[in-house]
Amino acid sequence: MYVPDHFAVTDADEVAEMLRRTPFGCLITHGPDGLFASHLPFLHDPQRGVLAGHLARANPHERLATEGEALVVFQGPHAYVSPGWYPSKAEHGRVVPTWNYEAVHVYGRLSWRRDRDWLLGLVTALTKRFEAAQPAPWRVDDAPADHIERLLGAIVGLEVRIERVVAKRKFSQNRPQADVHGVVAGLSASPAELDRALAEAMRAHPA
């Protein structure tokens, strides 16, 4: 990923927070049949330096990728930026549209996990993570034990041991402050939820 210095995110804690807020990633690998991608939620363990997730066993990704290098792409909030939001448009007109976004690319060694206890631990952790905001969080043991056992047999786990991370936050850092404020105002007024989410992210991380 091309990352000019003014868009780079290099602080490890900040990158970990980006991965926490954007847990749904795209696993991309290359094998004898070419590129293959799967979309899935991941748990990031910054202490161990791994991403963990699971796929349906019917998914051919394990067979196509074997084990080796993998790329996982996480896409944060993003939106179109109109040059009409820039005060500098009225000053000199030398402005063009662009796209603001946040993204993290994680590179690492992919391995597959079929151990039943490992898989149960993973799905339990995933459930706890994503049910936390529910008024009455669902738990794995809320389902019949035989149902859970059957489903565990229908998935395969995976880990990506992180070797390199490239994180980018393109939030108009290359524009004058007045233009940045104009972008935030324009996005905030949008009816699109994703636009407003980007505006909130830009407020949290001022250029």
Protein backbone atom coordinates (compact mmCIF):
# COMPACT_ATOMS: atom_id res chain seq x y z
CA MET A 1 0.00 0.00 0.00
CA TYR A 2 1.33 3.43 -0.92
CA VAL A 3 1.59 5.49 2.27
CA PRO A 4 3.01 9.03 2.17
CA ASP A 5 4.62 9.94 5.47
CA HIS A 6 1.85 12.36 6.47
CA PHE A 7 -0.75 9.57 6.16
CA ALA A 8 1.22 6.85 7.97
CA VAL A 9 0.15 5.41 11.33
CA THR A 10 3.17 3.87 13.03
CA ASP A 11 2.33 3.82 16.75
CA ALA A 12 1.68 0.19 17.78
CA ASP A 13 -1.07 1.08 20.25
CA GLU A 14 -2.82 3.21 17.66
CA VAL A 15 -2.66 0.42 15.09
CA ALA A 16 -4.04 -2.04 17.66
CA GLU A 17 -6.94 0.33 18.28
CA MET A 18 -7.63 0.55 14.54
CA LEU A 19 -7.77 -3.26 14.38
CA ARG A 20 -10.05 -3.38 17.41
CA ARG A 21 -12.48 -0.91 15.83
CA THR A 22 -12.39 -2.60 12.42
CA PRO A 23 -12.27 -6.36 13.07
CA PHE A 24 -13.77 -7.51 9.76
CA GLY A 25 -10.96 -8.22 7.31
CA CYS A 26 -10.20 -9.75 3.94
CA LEU A 27 -7.72 -12.65 3.99
CA ILE A 28 -5.76 -12.77 0.73
CA THR A 29 -3.37 -15.54 -0.26
CA HIS A 30 -1.64 -16.76 -3.40
CA GLY A 31 -1.38 -20.40 -4.40
CA PRO A 32 -1.01 -22.58 -7.49
CA ASP A 33 -4.40 -21.42 -8.76
CA GLY A 34 -3.67 -17.74 -8.19
CA LEU A 35 -5.12 -15.27 -5.70
CA PHE A 36 -7.95 -16.20 -3.35
CA ALA A 37 -9.75 -14.06 -0.75
CA SER A 38 -12.10 -14.69 2.15
CA HIS A 39 -13.94 -12.12 4.26
CA LEU A 40 -14.17 -12.83 7.98
CA PRO A 41 -13.96 -11.31 11.46
CA PHE A 42 -10.63 -11.54 13.24
CA LEU A 43 -9.45 -11.37 16.82
CA HIS A 44 -6.19 -9.46 17.20
CA ASP A 45 -3.87 -10.49 20.02
CA PRO A 46 -1.21 -7.73 20.21
CA GLN A 47 0.71 -9.54 22.95
CA ARG A 48 1.18 -12.69 20.85
CA GLY A 49 1.28 -10.79 17.57
CA VAL A 50 -1.39 -12.86 15.84
CA LEU A 51 -4.74 -12.58 14.10
CA ALA A 52 -7.15 -15.48 14.56
CA GLY A 53 -10.36 -16.44 12.79
CA HIS A 54 -12.20 -19.32 11.18
CA LEU A 55 -13.75 -20.38 7.90
CA ALA A 56 -16.29 -22.97 6.84
CA ARG A 57 -14.58 -26.25 6.01
CA ALA A 58 -16.45 -26.14 2.71
CA ASN A 59 -14.47 -23.01 1.83
CA PRO A 60 -11.59 -24.12 -0.45
CA HIS A 61 -9.26 -21.46 0.91
CA GLU A 62 -7.21 -23.87 3.04
CA ARG A 63 -6.59 -26.16 0.08
CA LEU A 64 -5.79 -23.28 -2.26
CA ALA A 65 -3.50 -21.39 0.11
CA THR A 66 -1.75 -24.17 2.07
CA GLU A 67 0.42 -22.45 4.69
CA GLY A 68 2.67 -19.48 4.07
CA GLU A 69 2.52 -15.73 3.59
CA ALA A 70 -0.85 -14.04 3.80
CA LEU A 71 -2.20 -10.51 3.64
CA VAL A 72 -5.21 -9.37 5.66
CA VAL A 73 -6.77 -6.06 4.68
CA PHE A 74 -8.92 -4.10 7.12
CA GLN A 75 -10.96 -1.18 5.76
CA GLY A 76 -11.99 1.50 8.24
CA PRO A 77 -14.35 4.44 7.63
CA HIS A 78 -14.10 5.96 4.17
CA ALA A 79 -15.98 8.45 2.03
CA TYR A 80 -15.90 10.64 -1.05
CA VAL A 81 -14.64 14.18 -0.42
CA SER A 82 -16.14 16.94 -2.57
CA PRO A 83 -13.92 19.89 -3.49
CA GLY A 84 -17.00 22.02 -2.85
CA TRP A 85 -16.35 21.58 0.86
CA TYR A 86 -12.99 23.35 0.67
CA PRO A 87 -12.97 27.08 1.44
CA SER A 88 -9.87 27.22 -0.77
CA LYS A 89 -12.10 26.44 -3.77
CA ALA A 90 -13.45 30.00 -3.58
CA GLU A 91 -9.95 31.39 -3.17
CA HIS A 92 -8.14 29.87 -6.15
CA GLY A 93 -10.18 26.95 -7.54
CA ARG A 94 -7.16 24.63 -7.67
CA VAL A 95 -8.93 21.73 -5.98
CA VAL A 96 -10.16 18.30 -7.08
CA PRO A 97 -12.25 15.50 -5.54
CA THR A 98 -10.60 12.80 -3.46
CA TRP A 99 -11.42 9.93 -1.11
CA ASN A 100 -10.57 9.88 2.59
CA TYR A 101 -10.14 6.55 4.35
CA GLU A 102 -8.48 4.46 7.01
CA ALA A 103 -6.91 1.08 6.23
CA VAL A 104 -4.59 -1.48 7.80
CA HIS A 105 -2.66 -4.14 5.88
CA VAL A 106 -1.34 -7.01 7.98
CA TYR A 107 1.26 -9.38 6.52
CA GLY A 108 2.20 -12.65 8.20
CA ARG A 109 2.56 -16.42 8.17
CA LEU A 110 -0.70 -18.29 7.81
CA SER A 111 -1.37 -21.55 9.62
CA TRP A 112 -4.53 -23.65 9.88
CA ARG A 113 -6.04 -25.02 13.09
CA ARG A 114 -8.42 -27.99 13.40
CA ASP A 115 -8.06 -28.77 17.11
CA ARG A 116 -11.51 -28.88 18.71
CA ASP A 117 -10.51 -27.11 21.94
CA TRP A 118 -8.71 -24.36 20.03
CA LEU A 119 -11.77 -23.81 17.85
CA LEU A 120 -14.10 -23.73 20.87
CA GLY A 121 -11.85 -21.17 22.54
CA LEU A 122 -11.87 -19.04 19.40
CA VAL A 123 -15.63 -19.04 18.85
CA THR A 124 -16.15 -18.36 22.56
CA ALA A 125 -13.79 -15.37 22.39
CA LEU A 126 -15.38 -14.08 19.18
CA THR A 127 -18.85 -14.38 20.70
CA LYS A 128 -17.81 -12.56 23.87
CA ARG A 129 -16.21 -9.81 21.80
CA PHE A 130 -19.15 -9.14 19.50
CA GLU A 131 -22.01 -9.84 21.92
CA ALA A 132 -20.62 -7.44 24.54
CA ALA A 133 -22.86 -4.58 23.42
CA GLN A 134 -26.06 -6.62 23.51
CA PRO A 135 -28.45 -6.06 26.45
CA ALA A 136 -28.54 -9.83 27.05
CA PRO A 137 -25.35 -11.22 25.47
CA TRP A 138 -25.69 -14.62 23.82
CA ARG A 139 -23.18 -17.22 24.99
CA VAL A 140 -21.91 -20.31 23.23
CA ASP A 141 -23.30 -22.56 25.98
CA ASP A 142 -26.77 -21.08 25.40
CA ALA A 143 -26.99 -23.47 22.42
CA PRO A 144 -27.35 -27.25 22.84
CA ALA A 145 -23.98 -28.94 23.26
CA ASP A 146 -24.53 -31.35 20.36
CA HIS A 147 -25.35 -28.40 18.07
CA ILE A 148 -22.10 -26.63 19.01
CA GLU A 149 -20.10 -29.83 18.50
CA ARG A 150 -21.59 -30.28 15.04
CA LEU A 151 -20.77 -26.72 14.06
CA LEU A 152 -17.21 -26.98 15.41
CA GLY A 153 -16.75 -29.89 13.04
CA ALA A 154 -17.86 -27.69 10.14
CA ILE A 155 -15.20 -24.98 10.53
CA VAL A 156 -11.43 -24.69 10.28
CA GLY A 157 -9.45 -22.17 12.29
CA LEU A 158 -6.58 -20.03 11.14
CA GLU A 159 -3.88 -17.86 12.61
CA VAL A 160 -1.78 -15.22 10.94
CA ARG A 161 1.46 -14.62 12.83
CA ILE A 162 2.10 -10.95 12.17
CA GLU A 163 5.38 -10.03 10.51
CA ARG A 164 4.61 -6.56 9.18
CA VAL A 165 1.84 -3.98 9.47
CA VAL A 166 1.19 -1.02 7.18
CA ALA A 167 -1.46 1.40 8.46
CA LYS A 168 -2.79 4.47 6.71
CA ARG A 169 -5.10 7.25 7.78
CA LYS A 170 -5.86 9.66 4.91
CA PHE A 171 -7.80 12.36 6.71
CA SER A 172 -6.93 15.46 4.62
CA GLN A 173 -3.62 15.99 6.44
CA ASN A 174 -2.27 17.49 3.21
CA ARG A 175 -4.93 20.24 3.17
CA PRO A 176 -5.06 23.59 5.01
CA GLN A 177 -6.91 23.44 8.33
CA ALA A 178 -9.82 25.41 6.92
CA ASP A 179 -10.30 22.75 4.22
CA VAL A 180 -10.11 19.97 6.83
CA HIS A 181 -12.85 21.66 8.84
CA GLY A 182 -14.88 22.00 5.65
CA VAL A 183 -14.55 18.27 4.96
CA VAL A 184 -15.67 17.39 8.48
CA ALA A 185 -18.66 19.71 8.17
CA GLY A 186 -19.61 18.30 4.77
CA LEU A 187 -19.36 14.70 5.94
CA SER A 188 -21.25 15.45 9.14
CA ALA A 189 -24.18 16.83 7.14
CA SER A 190 -24.37 13.76 4.90
CA PRO A 191 -27.34 11.36 5.19
CA ALA A 192 -24.93 8.44 4.72
CA GLU A 193 -23.94 6.74 7.97
CA LEU A 194 -20.47 5.89 6.68
CA ASP A 195 -19.82 9.55 5.81
CA ARG A 196 -20.76 10.60 9.32
CA ALA A 197 -18.57 7.85 10.78
CA LEU A 198 -15.61 9.23 8.85
CA ALA A 199 -16.38 12.73 10.12
CA GLU A 200 -16.31 11.40 13.69
CA ALA A 201 -13.01 9.63 13.04
CA MET A 202 -11.53 12.83 11.62
CA ARG A 203 -12.61 14.71 14.74
CA ALA A 204 -10.97 12.06 16.91
CA HIS A 205 -7.74 12.28 14.90
CA PRO A 206 -7.35 15.91 13.81
CA ALA A 207 -4.97 16.58 10.95
